[in-house]
Amino acid sequence: MIFFSLLLTFIGMFLLYRSSAKQITKAKATQQQFLKRFKTQISISAFVCFLVALSLLCLKYGNSVGFISWWIFATPVTFMLVLLVNELKSNKK
């Protein structure tokens, strides 16, 4: 159940990342139309993923421990997503 919550958190973060305005402009033409058309639904599904992950953890461990453990899962997932997505290149002059 913990792995499933971590996976849902990662999926939610990735969906929010893909539905951002900066990523919509970088997408291909067919993906751009899809992302522009369904931006609200993608964002809502990301938050549903967060709520399902949070509710799974709260059912297993209780409200306070489940909420804190979801935050503990969300922090490294966000950091990993930032590192994977950003192009970290040094500027050579």
N, C-alpha and C. Protein backbone atom coordinates (compact mmCIF):
# COMPACT_ATOMS: atom_id res chain seq x y z
N MET A 1 0.82 -1.18 0.00
CA MET A 1 0.00 0.00 0.00
C MET A 1 0.88 1.26 0.00
N ILE A 2 2.01 1.20 0.66
CA ILE A 2 2.91 2.35 0.69
C ILE A 2 3.48 2.61 -0.70
N PHE A 3 3.85 1.54 -1.39
CA PHE A 3 4.38 1.70 -2.74
C PHE A 3 3.32 2.29 -3.67
N PHE A 4 2.08 1.85 -3.53
CA PHE A 4 1.00 2.37 -4.36
C PHE A 4 0.77 3.86 -4.08
N SER A 5 0.87 4.26 -2.81
CA SER A 5 0.74 5.69 -2.47
C SER A 5 1.88 6.50 -3.06
N LEU A 6 3.07 5.96 -3.00
CA LEU A 6 4.22 6.65 -3.60
C LEU A 6 4.05 6.77 -5.11
N LEU A 7 3.57 5.72 -5.75
CA LEU A 7 3.34 5.74 -7.19
C LEU A 7 2.25 6.75 -7.56
N LEU A 8 1.17 6.79 -6.80
CA LEU A 8 0.12 7.77 -7.07
C LEU A 8 0.61 9.20 -6.87
N THR A 9 1.45 9.42 -5.88
CA THR A 9 2.02 10.74 -5.67
C THR A 9 2.90 11.14 -6.84
N PHE A 10 3.71 10.22 -7.33
CA PHE A 10 4.56 10.50 -8.49
C PHE A 10 3.72 10.79 -9.72
N ILE A 11 2.68 10.02 -9.96
CA ILE A 11 1.80 10.25 -11.11
C ILE A 11 1.14 11.62 -11.00
N GLY A 12 0.67 11.98 -9.82
CA GLY A 12 0.04 13.29 -9.62
C GLY A 12 1.00 14.44 -9.88
N MET A 13 2.23 14.31 -9.39
CA MET A 13 3.23 15.36 -9.63
C MET A 13 3.56 15.47 -11.11
N PHE A 14 3.68 14.34 -11.78
CA PHE A 14 3.98 14.35 -13.21
C PHE A 14 2.84 14.96 -14.02
N LEU A 15 1.61 14.65 -13.65
CA LEU A 15 0.46 15.25 -14.34
C LEU A 15 0.41 16.76 -14.15
N LEU A 16 0.70 17.22 -12.95
CA LEU A 16 0.73 18.67 -12.73
C LEU A 16 1.86 19.32 -13.53
N TYR A 17 2.98 18.62 -13.62
CA TYR A 17 4.10 19.14 -14.40
C TYR A 17 3.74 19.25 -15.88
N ARG A 18 3.11 18.22 -16.42
CA ARG A 18 2.77 18.22 -17.84
C ARG A 18 1.67 19.22 -18.16
N SER A 19 0.83 19.55 -17.20
CA SER A 19 -0.25 20.48 -17.48
C SER A 19 0.14 21.94 -17.22
N SER A 20 1.41 22.19 -16.87
CA SER A 20 1.84 23.57 -16.66
C SER A 20 1.94 24.29 -18.00
N ALA A 21 1.80 25.59 -17.97
CA ALA A 21 1.77 26.39 -19.20
C ALA A 21 3.11 26.31 -19.94
N LYS A 22 4.20 26.25 -19.21
CA LYS A 22 5.51 26.18 -19.85
C LYS A 22 5.69 24.87 -20.61
N GLN A 23 5.19 23.78 -20.06
CA GLN A 23 5.33 22.49 -20.73
C GLN A 23 4.36 22.32 -21.89
N ILE A 24 3.23 22.99 -21.83
CA ILE A 24 2.29 22.92 -22.94
C ILE A 24 2.91 23.56 -24.18
N THR A 25 3.63 24.66 -24.00
CA THR A 25 4.25 25.32 -25.16
C THR A 25 5.42 24.51 -25.71
N LYS A 26 6.08 23.69 -24.88
CA LYS A 26 7.19 22.87 -25.35
C LYS A 26 6.74 21.57 -26.01
N ALA A 27 5.48 21.20 -25.84
CA ALA A 27 4.99 19.92 -26.34
C ALA A 27 4.85 19.94 -27.86
N LYS A 28 4.77 18.74 -28.43
CA LYS A 28 4.53 18.62 -29.87
C LYS A 28 3.14 19.13 -30.20
N ALA A 29 2.87 19.32 -31.46
CA ALA A 29 1.59 19.92 -31.88
C ALA A 29 0.39 19.08 -31.44
N THR A 30 0.47 17.76 -31.61
CA THR A 30 -0.66 16.92 -31.23
C THR A 30 -0.81 16.85 -29.71
N GLN A 31 0.32 16.77 -28.99
CA GLN A 31 0.25 16.75 -27.54
C GLN A 31 -0.20 18.10 -27.00
N GLN A 32 0.22 19.16 -27.67
CA GLN A 32 -0.13 20.50 -27.22
C GLN A 32 -1.64 20.71 -27.28
N GLN A 33 -2.27 20.25 -28.36
CA GLN A 33 -3.71 20.37 -28.47
C GLN A 33 -4.41 19.57 -27.38
N PHE A 34 -3.92 18.36 -27.12
CA PHE A 34 -4.50 17.53 -26.08
C PHE A 34 -4.35 18.17 -24.70
N LEU A 35 -3.16 18.68 -24.41
CA LEU A 35 -2.91 19.28 -23.10
C LEU A 35 -3.69 20.57 -22.92
N LYS A 36 -3.81 21.37 -23.97
CA LYS A 36 -4.58 22.61 -23.87
C LYS A 36 -6.06 22.31 -23.69
N ARG A 37 -6.54 21.30 -24.40
CA ARG A 37 -7.96 21.00 -24.36
C ARG A 37 -8.39 20.41 -23.03
N PHE A 38 -7.55 19.57 -22.44
CA PHE A 38 -7.92 18.86 -21.22
C PHE A 38 -7.07 19.28 -20.02
N LYS A 39 -6.64 20.53 -19.98
CA LYS A 39 -5.77 20.99 -18.89
C LYS A 39 -6.47 20.90 -17.54
N THR A 40 -7.70 21.31 -17.46
CA THR A 40 -8.43 21.27 -16.20
C THR A 40 -8.64 19.83 -15.73
N GLN A 41 -8.99 18.94 -16.65
CA GLN A 41 -9.22 17.55 -16.29
C GLN A 41 -7.92 16.87 -15.84
N ILE A 42 -6.81 17.23 -16.46
CA ILE A 42 -5.52 16.66 -16.06
C ILE A 42 -5.15 17.14 -14.67
N SER A 43 -5.37 18.40 -14.39
CA SER A 43 -5.08 18.93 -13.05
C SER A 43 -5.97 18.30 -12.00
N ILE A 44 -7.24 18.15 -12.31
CA ILE A 44 -8.17 17.51 -11.37
C ILE A 44 -7.78 16.06 -11.12
N SER A 45 -7.37 15.35 -12.16
CA SER A 45 -6.96 13.95 -11.97
C SER A 45 -5.68 13.86 -11.15
N ALA A 46 -4.79 14.86 -11.26
CA ALA A 46 -3.59 14.88 -10.43
C ALA A 46 -3.97 15.05 -8.96
N PHE A 47 -4.89 15.95 -8.67
CA PHE A 47 -5.31 16.14 -7.28
C PHE A 47 -6.10 14.95 -6.76
N VAL A 48 -6.80 14.25 -7.63
CA VAL A 48 -7.48 13.02 -7.21
C VAL A 48 -6.44 11.96 -6.85
N CYS A 49 -5.36 11.88 -7.62
CA CYS A 49 -4.27 10.96 -7.28
C CYS A 49 -3.69 11.29 -5.91
N PHE A 50 -3.51 12.58 -5.63
CA PHE A 50 -3.00 12.99 -4.32
C PHE A 50 -3.96 12.58 -3.20
N LEU A 51 -5.25 12.81 -3.42
CA LEU A 51 -6.23 12.48 -2.39
C LEU A 51 -6.33 10.98 -2.15
N VAL A 52 -6.24 10.18 -3.21
CA VAL A 52 -6.29 8.73 -3.05
C VAL A 52 -5.05 8.25 -2.29
N ALA A 53 -3.89 8.78 -2.64
CA ALA A 53 -2.66 8.41 -1.94
C ALA A 53 -2.74 8.81 -0.46
N LEU A 54 -3.23 10.00 -0.20
CA LEU A 54 -3.38 10.46 1.18
C LEU A 54 -4.39 9.62 1.94
N SER A 55 -5.49 9.28 1.31
CA SER A 55 -6.51 8.48 2.01
C SER A 55 -6.02 7.07 2.28
N LEU A 56 -5.24 6.50 1.36
CA LEU A 56 -4.68 5.17 1.62
C LEU A 56 -3.75 5.19 2.83
N LEU A 57 -2.91 6.20 2.91
CA LEU A 57 -2.01 6.30 4.05
C LEU A 57 -2.75 6.59 5.35
N CYS A 58 -3.79 7.42 5.26
CA CYS A 58 -4.58 7.72 6.47
C CYS A 58 -5.36 6.51 6.95
N LEU A 59 -5.85 5.69 6.02
CA LEU A 59 -6.55 4.47 6.43
C LEU A 59 -5.62 3.47 7.09
N LYS A 60 -4.41 3.41 6.61
CA LYS A 60 -3.45 2.44 7.14
C LYS A 60 -2.87 2.88 8.47
N TYR A 61 -2.49 4.17 8.59
CA TYR A 61 -1.73 4.63 9.76
C TYR A 61 -2.44 5.65 10.63
N GLY A 62 -3.60 6.10 10.25
CA GLY A 62 -4.29 7.15 11.01
C GLY A 62 -4.12 8.49 10.32
N ASN A 63 -4.91 9.46 10.76
CA ASN A 63 -4.95 10.75 10.06
C ASN A 63 -3.64 11.52 10.15
N SER A 64 -3.11 11.71 11.35
CA SER A 64 -1.93 12.56 11.49
C SER A 64 -0.69 11.90 10.90
N VAL A 65 -0.49 10.63 11.17
CA VAL A 65 0.69 9.93 10.64
C VAL A 65 0.57 9.77 9.12
N GLY A 66 -0.62 9.52 8.61
CA GLY A 66 -0.83 9.40 7.17
C GLY A 66 -0.55 10.69 6.44
N PHE A 67 -0.98 11.82 7.02
CA PHE A 67 -0.75 13.11 6.39
C PHE A 67 0.74 13.45 6.37
N ILE A 68 1.41 13.23 7.49
CA ILE A 68 2.85 13.52 7.56
C ILE A 68 3.62 12.58 6.64
N SER A 69 3.24 11.32 6.57
CA SER A 69 3.95 10.40 5.68
C SER A 69 3.71 10.74 4.22
N TRP A 70 2.52 11.28 3.89
CA TRP A 70 2.32 11.71 2.50
C TRP A 70 3.24 12.88 2.18
N TRP A 71 3.41 13.82 3.10
CA TRP A 71 4.33 14.93 2.88
C TRP A 71 5.76 14.43 2.75
N ILE A 72 6.11 13.43 3.54
CA ILE A 72 7.46 12.87 3.45
C ILE A 72 7.65 12.20 2.09
N PHE A 73 6.62 11.55 1.55
CA PHE A 73 6.71 10.96 0.21
C PHE A 73 6.74 12.04 -0.87
N ALA A 74 5.96 13.09 -0.71
CA ALA A 74 5.83 14.11 -1.76
C ALA A 74 7.10 14.94 -1.93
N THR A 75 7.83 15.16 -0.86
CA THR A 75 9.02 16.00 -0.95
C THR A 75 10.11 15.39 -1.82
N PRO A 76 10.55 14.15 -1.60
CA PRO A 76 11.58 13.59 -2.49
C PRO A 76 11.08 13.32 -3.90
N VAL A 77 9.79 13.01 -4.03
CA VAL A 77 9.25 12.79 -5.37
C VAL A 77 9.32 14.08 -6.17
N THR A 78 8.98 15.19 -5.56
CA THR A 78 9.08 16.48 -6.24
C THR A 78 10.52 16.79 -6.59
N PHE A 79 11.44 16.54 -5.68
CA PHE A 79 12.85 16.80 -5.93
C PHE A 79 13.37 15.92 -7.07
N MET A 80 13.01 14.64 -7.09
CA MET A 80 13.44 13.74 -8.17
C MET A 80 12.87 14.19 -9.51
N LEU A 81 11.62 14.61 -9.52
CA LEU A 81 11.00 15.06 -10.76
C LEU A 81 11.68 16.32 -11.28
N VAL A 82 12.05 17.22 -10.39
CA VAL A 82 12.75 18.44 -10.81
C VAL A 82 14.11 18.08 -11.39
N LEU A 83 14.82 17.16 -10.76
CA LEU A 83 16.13 16.77 -11.28
C LEU A 83 16.03 16.04 -12.61
N LEU A 84 15.01 15.22 -12.79
CA LEU A 84 14.86 14.48 -14.04
C LEU A 84 14.44 15.37 -15.20
N VAL A 85 13.65 16.36 -14.92
CA VAL A 85 13.05 17.17 -15.98
C VAL A 85 13.96 18.31 -16.42
N ASN A 86 14.63 18.96 -15.48
CA ASN A 86 15.46 20.10 -15.83
C ASN A 86 16.71 19.66 -16.57
N GLU A 87 17.09 20.47 -17.52
CA GLU A 87 18.32 20.22 -18.25
C GLU A 87 19.44 20.95 -17.53
N LEU A 88 20.23 20.22 -16.81
CA LEU A 88 21.30 20.82 -16.03
C LEU A 88 22.59 20.78 -16.83
N LYS A 89 22.83 21.84 -17.59
CA LYS A 89 24.02 21.95 -18.40
C LYS A 89 24.80 23.18 -17.97
N SER A 90 26.10 23.05 -17.95
CA SER A 90 26.90 24.22 -17.58
C SER A 90 27.11 25.09 -18.82
N ASN A 91 27.17 26.37 -18.59
CA ASN A 91 27.40 27.32 -19.68
C ASN A 91 28.90 27.50 -19.86
N LYS A 92 29.42 27.05 -20.96
CA LYS A 92 30.84 27.21 -21.25
C LYS A 92 31.03 28.44 -22.13
N LYS A 93 31.86 29.34 -21.67
CA LYS A 93 32.09 30.56 -22.44
C LYS A 93 33.51 30.64 -22.91
